[in-house]
C-alpha atoms as a PDB file:
ATOM      1  CA  UNK A   1      28.663 -29.120 -39.369  1.00  0.00           C
ATOM      2  CA  UNK A   2      30.400 -31.205 -36.617  1.00  0.00           C
ATOM      3  CA  UNK A   3      28.453 -34.038 -35.014  1.00  0.00           C
ATOM      4  CA  UNK A   4      26.754 -33.329 -31.780  1.00  0.00           C
ATOM      5  CA  UNK A   5      28.776 -34.955 -28.895  1.00  0.00           C
ATOM      6  CA  UNK A   6      27.487 -37.000 -25.962  1.00  0.00           C
ATOM      7  CA  UNK A   7      28.644 -34.141 -23.642  1.00  0.00           C
ATOM      8  CA  UNK A   8      26.293 -31.799 -25.488  1.00  0.00           C
ATOM      9  CA  UNK A   9      23.459 -34.142 -25.462  1.00  0.00           C
ATOM     10  CA  UNK A  10      24.112 -34.553 -21.583  1.00  0.00           C
ATOM     11  CA  UNK A  11      24.056 -30.766 -21.144  1.00  0.00           C
ATOM     12  CA  UNK A  12      20.845 -30.374 -23.122  1.00  0.00           C
ATOM     13  CA  UNK A  13      19.314 -33.148 -20.903  1.00  0.00           C
ATOM     14  CA  UNK A  14      20.449 -31.132 -17.839  1.00  0.00           C
ATOM     15  CA  UNK A  15      18.909 -28.019 -19.071  1.00  0.00           C
ATOM     16  CA  UNK A  16      15.702 -29.849 -19.831  1.00  0.00           C
ATOM     17  CA  UNK A  17      15.850 -31.597 -16.615  1.00  0.00           C
ATOM     18  CA  UNK A  18      15.713 -34.934 -18.247  1.00  0.00           C
ATOM     19  CA  UNK A  19      17.259 -38.087 -16.766  1.00  0.00           C
ATOM     20  CA  UNK A  20      18.783 -39.979 -19.443  1.00  0.00           C
ATOM     21  CA  UNK A  21      20.848 -43.187 -19.421  1.00  0.00           C
ATOM     22  CA  UNK A  22      24.263 -43.760 -21.170  1.00  0.00           C
ATOM     23  CA  UNK A  23      22.593 -45.713 -23.893  1.00  0.00           C
ATOM     24  CA  UNK A  24      20.224 -42.805 -24.472  1.00  0.00           C
ATOM     25  CA  UNK A  25      22.997 -40.328 -24.729  1.00  0.00           C
ATOM     26  CA  UNK A  26      24.474 -42.265 -27.635  1.00  0.00           C
ATOM     27  CA  UNK A  27      21.181 -42.732 -29.309  1.00  0.00           C
ATOM     28  CA  UNK A  28      20.023 -39.167 -28.896  1.00  0.00           C
ATOM     29  CA  UNK A  29      23.313 -37.877 -30.032  1.00  0.00           C
ATOM     30  CA  UNK A  30      22.829 -39.639 -33.306  1.00  0.00           C
ATOM     31  CA  UNK A  31      19.171 -38.619 -33.637  1.00  0.00           C
ATOM     32  CA  UNK A  32      19.999 -34.986 -32.923  1.00  0.00           C
ATOM     33  CA  UNK A  33      22.747 -35.012 -35.372  1.00  0.00           C
ATOM     34  CA  UNK A  34      20.423 -36.128 -38.117  1.00  0.00           C
ATOM     35  CA  UNK A  35      17.982 -33.341 -37.214  1.00  0.00           C
ATOM     36  CA  UNK A  36      20.688 -30.753 -37.213  1.00  0.00           C
ATOM     37  CA  UNK A  37      22.018 -31.955 -40.518  1.00  0.00           C
ATOM     38  CA  UNK A  38      18.441 -31.757 -42.078  1.00  0.00           C
ATOM     39  CA  UNK A  39      18.030 -28.247 -40.777  1.00  0.00           C
ATOM     40  CA  UNK A  40      21.461 -27.226 -42.316  1.00  0.00           C
ATOM     41  CA  UNK A  41      20.251 -28.764 -45.582  1.00  0.00           C
ATOM     42  CA  UNK A  42      17.154 -26.543 -45.556  1.00  0.00           C
ATOM     43  CA  UNK A  43      19.317 -23.649 -44.828  1.00  0.00           C
ATOM     44  CA  UNK A  44      21.312 -24.432 -47.987  1.00  0.00           C
ATOM     45  CA  UNK A  45      18.366 -24.603 -50.207  1.00  0.00           C
ATOM     46  CA  UNK A  46      16.799 -21.430 -49.004  1.00  0.00           C
ATOM     47  CA  UNK A  47      17.203 -18.890 -51.759  1.00  0.00           C
ATOM     48  CA  UNK A  48      17.756 -15.121 -51.222  1.00  0.00           C
ATOM     49  CA  UNK A  49      14.896 -14.239 -53.554  1.00  0.00           C
ATOM     50  CA  UNK A  50      12.292 -16.284 -51.621  1.00  0.00           C
ATOM     51  CA  UNK A  51      10.778 -14.227 -48.760  1.00  0.00           C
ATOM     52  CA  UNK A  52      10.451 -16.056 -45.355  1.00  0.00           C
ATOM     53  CA  UNK A  53       7.007 -17.460 -44.635  1.00  0.00           C
ATOM     54  CA  UNK A  54       5.266 -18.747 -41.644  1.00  0.00           C
ATOM     55  CA  UNK A  55       2.620 -20.729 -43.602  1.00  0.00           C
ATOM     56  CA  UNK A  56       2.482 -22.359 -46.864  1.00  0.00           C
ATOM     57  CA  UNK A  57      -0.892 -20.941 -47.620  1.00  0.00           C
ATOM     58  CA  UNK A  58      -2.129 -17.340 -47.132  1.00  0.00           C
ATOM     59  CA  UNK A  59      -4.227 -16.898 -43.979  1.00  0.00           C
ATOM     60  CA  UNK A  60      -7.244 -14.530 -43.467  1.00  0.00           C
ATOM     61  CA  UNK A  61      -8.612 -13.371 -40.252  1.00  0.00           C
ATOM     62  CA  UNK A  62     -11.408 -15.804 -39.475  1.00  0.00           C
ATOM     63  CA  UNK A  63     -12.699 -13.999 -36.344  1.00  0.00           C
ATOM     64  CA  UNK A  64     -16.222 -12.418 -36.530  1.00  0.00           C
ATOM     65  CA  UNK A  65     -16.703  -8.750 -35.560  1.00  0.00           C
ATOM     66  CA  UNK A  66     -17.101  -8.237 -31.912  1.00  0.00           C
ATOM     67  CA  UNK A  67     -20.797  -7.201 -31.530  1.00  0.00           C
ATOM     68  CA  UNK A  68     -22.191  -6.838 -28.135  1.00  0.00           C
ATOM     69  CA  UNK A  69     -25.353  -8.894 -27.631  1.00  0.00           C
ATOM     70  CA  UNK A  70     -27.659  -9.383 -24.587  1.00  0.00           C
ATOM     71  CA  UNK A  71     -26.388 -11.883 -22.149  1.00  0.00           C
ATOM     72  CA  UNK A  72     -27.839 -13.948 -19.322  1.00  0.00           C
ATOM     73  CA  UNK A  73     -29.098 -12.250 -16.243  1.00  0.00           C
ATOM     74  CA  UNK A  74     -27.245 -13.148 -13.009  1.00  0.00           C
ATOM     75  CA  UNK A  75     -30.241 -15.119 -11.667  1.00  0.00           C
ATOM     76  CA  UNK A  76     -30.587 -17.044 -14.855  1.00  0.00           C
ATOM     77  CA  UNK A  77     -26.754 -17.787 -14.994  1.00  0.00           C
ATOM     78  CA  UNK A  78     -26.882 -19.032 -11.381  1.00  0.00           C
ATOM     79  CA  UNK A  79     -30.180 -20.968 -11.620  1.00  0.00           C
ATOM     80  CA  UNK A  80     -28.327 -24.296 -12.549  1.00  0.00           C
ATOM     81  CA  UNK A  81     -25.610 -23.779 -10.250  1.00  0.00           C
ATOM     82  CA  UNK A  82     -25.349 -26.528  -7.466  1.00  0.00           C
ATOM     83  CA  UNK A  83     -24.321 -23.879  -4.919  1.00  0.00           C
ATOM     84  CA  UNK A  84     -24.551 -19.964  -5.269  1.00  0.00           C
ATOM     85  CA  UNK A  85     -23.591 -17.468  -2.619  1.00  0.00           C
ATOM     86  CA  UNK A  86     -23.996 -13.646  -2.846  1.00  0.00           C
ATOM     87  CA  UNK A  87     -24.613 -13.773  -6.547  1.00  0.00           C
ATOM     88  CA  UNK A  88     -21.552 -15.946  -7.330  1.00  0.00           C
ATOM     89  CA  UNK A  89     -20.888 -19.679  -8.050  1.00  0.00           C
ATOM     90  CA  UNK A  90     -19.696 -21.367  -4.701  1.00  0.00           C
ATOM     91  CA  UNK A  91     -17.045 -23.979  -5.391  1.00  0.00           C
ATOM     92  CA  UNK A  92     -15.074 -26.194  -3.003  1.00  0.00           C
ATOM     93  CA  UNK A  93     -11.714 -24.873  -1.886  1.00  0.00           C
ATOM     94  CA  UNK A  94      -8.840 -26.731  -3.596  1.00  0.00           C
ATOM     95  CA  UNK A  95      -5.795 -24.949  -2.052  1.00  0.00           C
ATOM     96  CA  UNK A  96      -4.955 -24.881   1.563  1.00  0.00           C
ATOM     97  CA  UNK A  97      -3.398 -21.449   1.343  1.00  0.00           C
ATOM     98  CA  UNK A  98      -4.954 -18.447   3.114  1.00  0.00           C
ATOM     99  CA  UNK A  99      -5.342 -15.539   0.910  1.00  0.00           C
END
């Protein structure tokens, strides 16, 4: 695999909207080259008879069953609100836009 060039690093920086200095271009080119070489080595080691995995250990569903339970009444939910209006929480406006 060919080494990543300064121009490629500059292109990636532009795509990422990152401002990088000339010194950083050289440093990042070397660092990215090491990363790409490491990924290439992993690809060489991967065997055909080993299935791809997303996790090294099996995962099981840890979610509980969705069982409906009684919830707070509207009055109880709003009882601790600093300000309520027409059965809803009233909060300060944070956007100046008209809806």
